[in-house]
Amino acid sequence: MLMNSALIPTATETNPSPSHDEIAQCARQLWTESGQPEGRDEAIWYEAERRLISERRVPLETAIAP
């Protein structure tokens, strides 16, 4: 069975990338929750970005129109 690719949303339509401010806010929260460690800025930033992107993923079942 072939699916019509027009029915599958693209990443930009359903999963917009988090903004710099959103990542900064999430990273600050993670940093605080981690006890404000020094020298882990980059790791915490990437973890915040990963979490925000993961939250925005749409399950395949809901992304495909009937």
PDB file of N, CA and C in Angstrom:
ATOM      1  N   MET A   1       0.835  -1.176   0.000  1.00  0.00           N
ATOM      2  CA  MET A   1       0.000   0.000   0.000  1.00  0.00           C
ATOM      3  C   MET A   1       0.887   1.248   0.000  1.00  0.00           C
ATOM      4  N   LEU A   2       0.688   2.120  -0.933  1.00  0.00           N
ATOM      5  CA  LEU A   2       1.444   3.361  -1.011  1.00  0.00           C
ATOM      6  C   LEU A   2       0.710   4.459  -0.277  1.00  0.00           C
ATOM      7  N   MET A   3       1.473   5.276   0.454  1.00  0.00           N
ATOM      8  CA  MET A   3       0.858   6.403   1.151  1.00  0.00           C
ATOM      9  C   MET A   3       1.129   7.667   0.361  1.00  0.00           C
ATOM     10  N   ASN A   4       0.176   8.527   0.365  1.00  0.00           N
ATOM     11  CA  ASN A   4       0.330   9.821  -0.281  1.00  0.00           C
ATOM     12  C   ASN A   4       1.202  10.690   0.608  1.00  0.00           C
ATOM     13  N   SER A   5       2.370  11.073   0.115  1.00  0.00           N
ATOM     14  CA  SER A   5       3.295  11.863   0.931  1.00  0.00           C
ATOM     15  C   SER A   5       2.729  13.225   1.301  1.00  0.00           C
ATOM     16  N   ALA A   6       1.732  13.687   0.590  1.00  0.00           N
ATOM     17  CA  ALA A   6       1.114  14.970   0.921  1.00  0.00           C
ATOM     18  C   ALA A   6       0.355  14.886   2.242  1.00  0.00           C
ATOM     19  N   LEU A   7       0.016  13.675   2.667  1.00  0.00           N
ATOM     20  CA  LEU A   7      -0.712  13.501   3.916  1.00  0.00           C
ATOM     21  C   LEU A   7       0.216  13.428   5.127  1.00  0.00           C
ATOM     22  N   ILE A   8       1.500  13.280   4.893  1.00  0.00           N
ATOM     23  CA  ILE A   8       2.445  13.182   5.993  1.00  0.00           C
ATOM     24  C   ILE A   8       3.054  14.561   6.230  1.00  0.00           C
ATOM     25  N   PRO A   9       2.781  15.126   7.407  1.00  0.00           N
ATOM     26  CA  PRO A   9       3.313  16.470   7.684  1.00  0.00           C
ATOM     27  C   PRO A   9       4.832  16.461   7.746  1.00  0.00           C
ATOM     28  N   THR A  10       5.415  17.563   7.364  1.00  0.00           N
ATOM     29  CA  THR A  10       6.860  17.691   7.451  1.00  0.00           C
ATOM     30  C   THR A  10       7.238  18.155   8.847  1.00  0.00           C
ATOM     31  N   ALA A  11       8.503  18.071   9.161  1.00  0.00           N
ATOM     32  CA  ALA A  11       8.978  18.471  10.487  1.00  0.00           C
ATOM     33  C   ALA A  11       8.647  19.922  10.789  1.00  0.00           C
ATOM     34  N   THR A  12       8.727  20.772   9.781  1.00  0.00           N
ATOM     35  CA  THR A  12       8.470  22.186  10.032  1.00  0.00           C
ATOM     36  C   THR A  12       6.993  22.465  10.260  1.00  0.00           C
ATOM     37  N   GLU A  13       6.123  21.603   9.751  1.00  0.00           N
ATOM     38  CA  GLU A  13       4.689  21.820   9.944  1.00  0.00           C
ATOM     39  C   GLU A  13       4.218  21.345  11.314  1.00  0.00           C
ATOM     40  N   THR A  14       4.725  20.215  11.779  1.00  0.00           N
ATOM     41  CA  THR A  14       4.222  19.647  13.020  1.00  0.00           C
ATOM     42  C   THR A  14       5.202  19.728  14.177  1.00  0.00           C
ATOM     43  N   ASN A  15       6.465  19.876  13.908  1.00  0.00           N
ATOM     44  CA  ASN A  15       7.482  19.859  14.944  1.00  0.00           C
ATOM     45  C   ASN A  15       8.427  21.041  14.812  1.00  0.00           C
ATOM     46  N   PRO A  16       7.926  22.232  15.006  1.00  0.00           N
ATOM     47  CA  PRO A  16       8.838  23.366  14.853  1.00  0.00           C
ATOM     48  C   PRO A  16       9.970  23.270  15.866  1.00  0.00           C
ATOM     49  N   SER A  17      11.144  23.685  15.437  1.00  0.00           N
ATOM     50  CA  SER A  17      12.303  23.666  16.331  1.00  0.00           C
ATOM     51  C   SER A  17      12.075  24.643  17.473  1.00  0.00           C
ATOM     52  N   PRO A  18      12.521  24.276  18.663  1.00  0.00           N
ATOM     53  CA  PRO A  18      12.379  25.201  19.781  1.00  0.00           C
ATOM     54  C   PRO A  18      13.221  26.457  19.559  1.00  0.00           C
ATOM     55  N   SER A  19      12.723  27.561  20.038  1.00  0.00           N
ATOM     56  CA  SER A  19      13.452  28.820  19.901  1.00  0.00           C
ATOM     57  C   SER A  19      14.609  28.866  20.901  1.00  0.00           C
ATOM     58  N   HIS A  20      15.508  29.787  20.675  1.00  0.00           N
ATOM     59  CA  HIS A  20      16.645  29.990  21.580  1.00  0.00           C
ATOM     60  C   HIS A  20      16.137  30.267  22.993  1.00  0.00           C
ATOM     61  N   ASP A  21      15.106  31.106  23.107  1.00  0.00           N
ATOM     62  CA  ASP A  21      14.566  31.449  24.422  1.00  0.00           C
ATOM     63  C   ASP A  21      13.944  30.240  25.118  1.00  0.00           C
ATOM     64  N   GLU A  22      13.260  29.391  24.350  1.00  0.00           N
ATOM     65  CA  GLU A  22      12.661  28.187  24.938  1.00  0.00           C
ATOM     66  C   GLU A  22      13.740  27.240  25.454  1.00  0.00           C
ATOM     67  N   ILE A  23      14.790  27.069  24.669  1.00  0.00           N
ATOM     68  CA  ILE A  23      15.889  26.201  25.097  1.00  0.00           C
ATOM     69  C   ILE A  23      16.563  26.788  26.331  1.00  0.00           C
ATOM     70  N   ALA A  24      16.785  28.098  26.329  1.00  0.00           N
ATOM     71  CA  ALA A  24      17.430  28.754  27.466  1.00  0.00           C
ATOM     72  C   ALA A  24      16.615  28.570  28.743  1.00  0.00           C
ATOM     73  N   GLN A  25      15.304  28.704  28.636  1.00  0.00           N
ATOM     74  CA  GLN A  25      14.433  28.547  29.807  1.00  0.00           C
ATOM     75  C   GLN A  25      14.489  27.114  30.331  1.00  0.00           C
ATOM     76  N   CYS A  26      14.415  26.153  29.430  1.00  0.00           N
ATOM     77  CA  CYS A  26      14.478  24.747  29.815  1.00  0.00           C
ATOM     78  C   CYS A  26      15.850  24.414  30.398  1.00  0.00           C
ATOM     79  N   ALA A  27      16.909  24.909  29.763  1.00  0.00           N
ATOM     80  CA  ALA A  27      18.266  24.649  30.243  1.00  0.00           C
ATOM     81  C   ALA A  27      18.463  25.231  31.649  1.00  0.00           C
ATOM     82  N   ARG A  28      17.937  26.409  31.862  1.00  0.00           N
ATOM     83  CA  ARG A  28      18.056  27.032  33.191  1.00  0.00           C
ATOM     84  C   ARG A  28      17.373  26.172  34.253  1.00  0.00           C
ATOM     85  N   GLN A  29      16.203  25.645  33.908  1.00  0.00           N
ATOM     86  CA  GLN A  29      15.468  24.786  34.831  1.00  0.00           C
ATOM     87  C   GLN A  29      16.260  23.502  35.110  1.00  0.00           C
ATOM     88  N   LEU A  30      16.803  22.881  34.054  1.00  0.00           N
ATOM     89  CA  LEU A  30      17.604  21.672  34.234  1.00  0.00           C
ATOM     90  C   LEU A  30      18.847  21.956  35.070  1.00  0.00           C
ATOM     91  N   TRP A  31      19.489  23.086  34.815  1.00  0.00           N
ATOM     92  CA  TRP A  31      20.687  23.476  35.544  1.00  0.00           C
ATOM     93  C   TRP A  31      20.373  23.649  37.043  1.00  0.00           C
ATOM     94  N   THR A  32      19.251  24.309  37.312  1.00  0.00           N
ATOM     95  CA  THR A  32      18.840  24.528  38.704  1.00  0.00           C
ATOM     96  C   THR A  32      18.519  23.196  39.382  1.00  0.00           C
ATOM     97  N   GLU A  33      17.765  22.348  38.685  1.00  0.00           N
ATOM     98  CA  GLU A  33      17.395  21.048  39.240  1.00  0.00           C
ATOM     99  C   GLU A  33      18.608  20.154  39.472  1.00  0.00           C
ATOM    100  N   SER A  34      19.667  20.378  38.704  1.00  0.00           N
ATOM    101  CA  SER A  34      20.892  19.578  38.825  1.00  0.00           C
ATOM    102  C   SER A  34      21.840  20.133  39.893  1.00  0.00           C
ATOM    103  N   GLY A  35      21.421  21.150  40.601  1.00  0.00           N
ATOM    104  CA  GLY A  35      22.267  21.728  41.641  1.00  0.00           C
ATOM    105  C   GLY A  35      23.225  22.780  41.141  1.00  0.00           C
ATOM    106  N   GLN A  36      22.937  23.368  39.998  1.00  0.00           N
ATOM    107  CA  GLN A  36      23.716  24.449  39.396  1.00  0.00           C
ATOM    108  C   GLN A  36      25.193  24.059  39.204  1.00  0.00           C
ATOM    109  N   PRO A  37      25.429  22.936  38.532  1.00  0.00           N
ATOM    110  CA  PRO A  37      26.818  22.496  38.341  1.00  0.00           C
ATOM    111  C   PRO A  37      27.593  23.420  37.410  1.00  0.00           C
ATOM    112  N   GLU A  38      28.880  23.560  37.684  1.00  0.00           N
ATOM    113  CA  GLU A  38      29.753  24.365  36.831  1.00  0.00           C
ATOM    114  C   GLU A  38      30.355  23.484  35.744  1.00  0.00           C
ATOM    115  N   GLY A  39      30.587  24.070  34.563  1.00  0.00           N
ATOM    116  CA  GLY A  39      31.261  23.372  33.496  1.00  0.00           C
ATOM    117  C   GLY A  39      30.399  22.398  32.705  1.00  0.00           C
ATOM    118  N   ARG A  40      29.094  22.420  32.904  1.00  0.00           N
ATOM    119  CA  ARG A  40      28.204  21.506  32.182  1.00  0.00           C
ATOM    120  C   ARG A  40      27.226  22.269  31.302  1.00  0.00           C
ATOM    121  N   ASP A  41      27.535  23.520  31.015  1.00  0.00           N
ATOM    122  CA  ASP A  41      26.625  24.374  30.256  1.00  0.00           C
ATOM    123  C   ASP A  41      26.209  23.749  28.929  1.00  0.00           C
ATOM    124  N   GLU A  42      27.180  23.303  28.174  1.00  0.00           N
ATOM    125  CA  GLU A  42      26.888  22.767  26.841  1.00  0.00           C
ATOM    126  C   GLU A  42      26.051  21.489  26.928  1.00  0.00           C
ATOM    127  N   ALA A  43      26.389  20.595  27.826  1.00  0.00           N
ATOM    128  CA  ALA A  43      25.647  19.346  27.977  1.00  0.00           C
ATOM    129  C   ALA A  43      24.204  19.620  28.396  1.00  0.00           C
ATOM    130  N   ILE A  44      24.028  20.555  29.313  1.00  0.00           N
ATOM    131  CA  ILE A  44      22.673  20.892  29.772  1.00  0.00           C
ATOM    132  C   ILE A  44      21.889  21.561  28.658  1.00  0.00           C
ATOM    133  N   TRP A  45      22.540  22.414  27.882  1.00  0.00           N
ATOM    134  CA  TRP A  45      21.872  23.075  26.754  1.00  0.00           C
ATOM    135  C   TRP A  45      21.350  22.033  25.756  1.00  0.00           C
ATOM    136  N   TYR A  46      22.219  21.091  25.391  1.00  0.00           N
ATOM    137  CA  TYR A  46      21.817  20.078  24.414  1.00  0.00           C
ATOM    138  C   TYR A  46      20.736  19.151  24.974  1.00  0.00           C
ATOM    139  N   GLU A  47      20.779  18.874  26.257  1.00  0.00           N
ATOM    140  CA  GLU A  47      19.730  18.064  26.876  1.00  0.00           C
ATOM    141  C   GLU A  47      18.397  18.806  26.843  1.00  0.00           C
ATOM    142  N   ALA A  48      18.416  20.087  27.114  1.00  0.00           N
ATOM    143  CA  ALA A  48      17.187  20.889  27.058  1.00  0.00           C
ATOM    144  C   ALA A  48      16.623  20.893  25.642  1.00  0.00           C
ATOM    145  N   GLU A  49      17.497  21.089  24.665  1.00  0.00           N
ATOM    146  CA  GLU A  49      17.062  21.093  23.267  1.00  0.00           C
ATOM    147  C   GLU A  49      16.477  19.734  22.885  1.00  0.00           C
ATOM    148  N   ARG A  50      17.135  18.658  23.290  1.00  0.00           N
ATOM    149  CA  ARG A  50      16.662  17.307  22.987  1.00  0.00           C
ATOM    150  C   ARG A  50      15.281  17.060  23.595  1.00  0.00           C
ATOM    151  N   ARG A  51      15.104  17.474  24.832  1.00  0.00           N
ATOM    152  CA  ARG A  51      13.812  17.278  25.500  1.00  0.00           C
ATOM    153  C   ARG A  51      12.690  18.043  24.807  1.00  0.00           C
ATOM    154  N   LEU A  52      12.959  19.289  24.456  1.00  0.00           N
ATOM    155  CA  LEU A  52      11.926  20.091  23.795  1.00  0.00           C
ATOM    156  C   LEU A  52      11.556  19.505  22.438  1.00  0.00           C
ATOM    157  N   ILE A  53      12.529  19.060  21.685  1.00  0.00           N
ATOM    158  CA  ILE A  53      12.253  18.451  20.379  1.00  0.00           C
ATOM    159  C   ILE A  53      11.456  17.166  20.568  1.00  0.00           C
ATOM    160  N   SER A  54      11.836  16.377  21.549  1.00  0.00           N
ATOM    161  CA  SER A  54      11.150  15.117  21.822  1.00  0.00           C
ATOM    162  C   SER A  54       9.689  15.346  22.191  1.00  0.00           C
ATOM    163  N   GLU A  55       9.420  16.382  22.969  1.00  0.00           N
ATOM    164  CA  GLU A  55       8.044  16.702  23.371  1.00  0.00           C
ATOM    165  C   GLU A  55       7.178  17.098  22.184  1.00  0.00           C
ATOM    166  N   ARG A  56       7.800  17.618  21.140  1.00  0.00           N
ATOM    167  CA  ARG A  56       7.054  18.117  19.990  1.00  0.00           C
ATOM    168  C   ARG A  56       6.824  17.067  18.912  1.00  0.00           C
ATOM    169  N   ARG A  57       7.414  15.916  19.061  1.00  0.00           N
ATOM    170  CA  ARG A  57       7.241  14.866  18.054  1.00  0.00           C
ATOM    171  C   ARG A  57       5.793  14.407  18.058  1.00  0.00           C
ATOM    172  N   VAL A  58       5.281  14.230  16.867  1.00  0.00           N
ATOM    173  CA  VAL A  58       3.918  13.750  16.706  1.00  0.00           C
ATOM    174  C   VAL A  58       3.984  12.265  16.367  1.00  0.00           C
ATOM    175  N   PRO A  59       3.273  11.426  17.124  1.00  0.00           N
ATOM    176  CA  PRO A  59       3.278   9.999  16.793  1.00  0.00           C
ATOM    177  C   PRO A  59       2.815   9.785  15.358  1.00  0.00           C
ATOM    178  N   LEU A  60       3.417   8.840  14.676  1.00  0.00           N
ATOM    179  CA  LEU A  60       3.118   8.577  13.277  1.00  0.00           C
ATOM    180  C   LEU A  60       1.625   8.347  13.047  1.00  0.00           C
ATOM    181  N   GLU A  61       0.960   7.660  13.979  1.00  0.00           N
ATOM    182  CA  GLU A  61      -0.465   7.363  13.816  1.00  0.00           C
ATOM    183  C   GLU A  61      -1.307   8.632  13.723  1.00  0.00           C
ATOM    184  N   THR A  62      -0.915   9.674  14.455  1.00  0.00           N
ATOM    185  CA  THR A  62      -1.694  10.910  14.433  1.00  0.00           C
ATOM    186  C   THR A  62      -1.243  11.853  13.337  1.00  0.00           C
ATOM    187  N   ALA A  63      -0.039  11.636  12.805  1.00  0.00           N
ATOM    188  CA  ALA A  63       0.485  12.517  11.764  1.00  0.00           C
ATOM    189  C   ALA A  63      -0.083  12.191  10.392  1.00  0.00           C
ATOM    190  N   ILE A  64      -0.585  10.964  10.221  1.00  0.00           N
ATOM    191  CA  ILE A  64      -1.095  10.552   8.926  1.00  0.00           C
ATOM    192  C   ILE A  64      -2.612  10.732   8.909  1.00  0.00           C
ATOM    193  N   ALA A  65      -3.081  11.514   7.981  1.00  0.00           N
ATOM    194  CA  ALA A  65      -4.520  11.755   7.862  1.00  0.00           C
ATOM    195  C   ALA A  65      -5.218  10.489   7.365  1.00  0.00           C
ATOM    196  N   PRO A  66      -6.458  10.258   7.807  1.00  0.00           N
ATOM    197  CA  PRO A  66      -7.198   9.056   7.368  1.00  0.00           C
ATOM    198  C   PRO A  66      -7.515   9.079   5.895  1.00  0.00           C
TER     199      PRO A  66
END
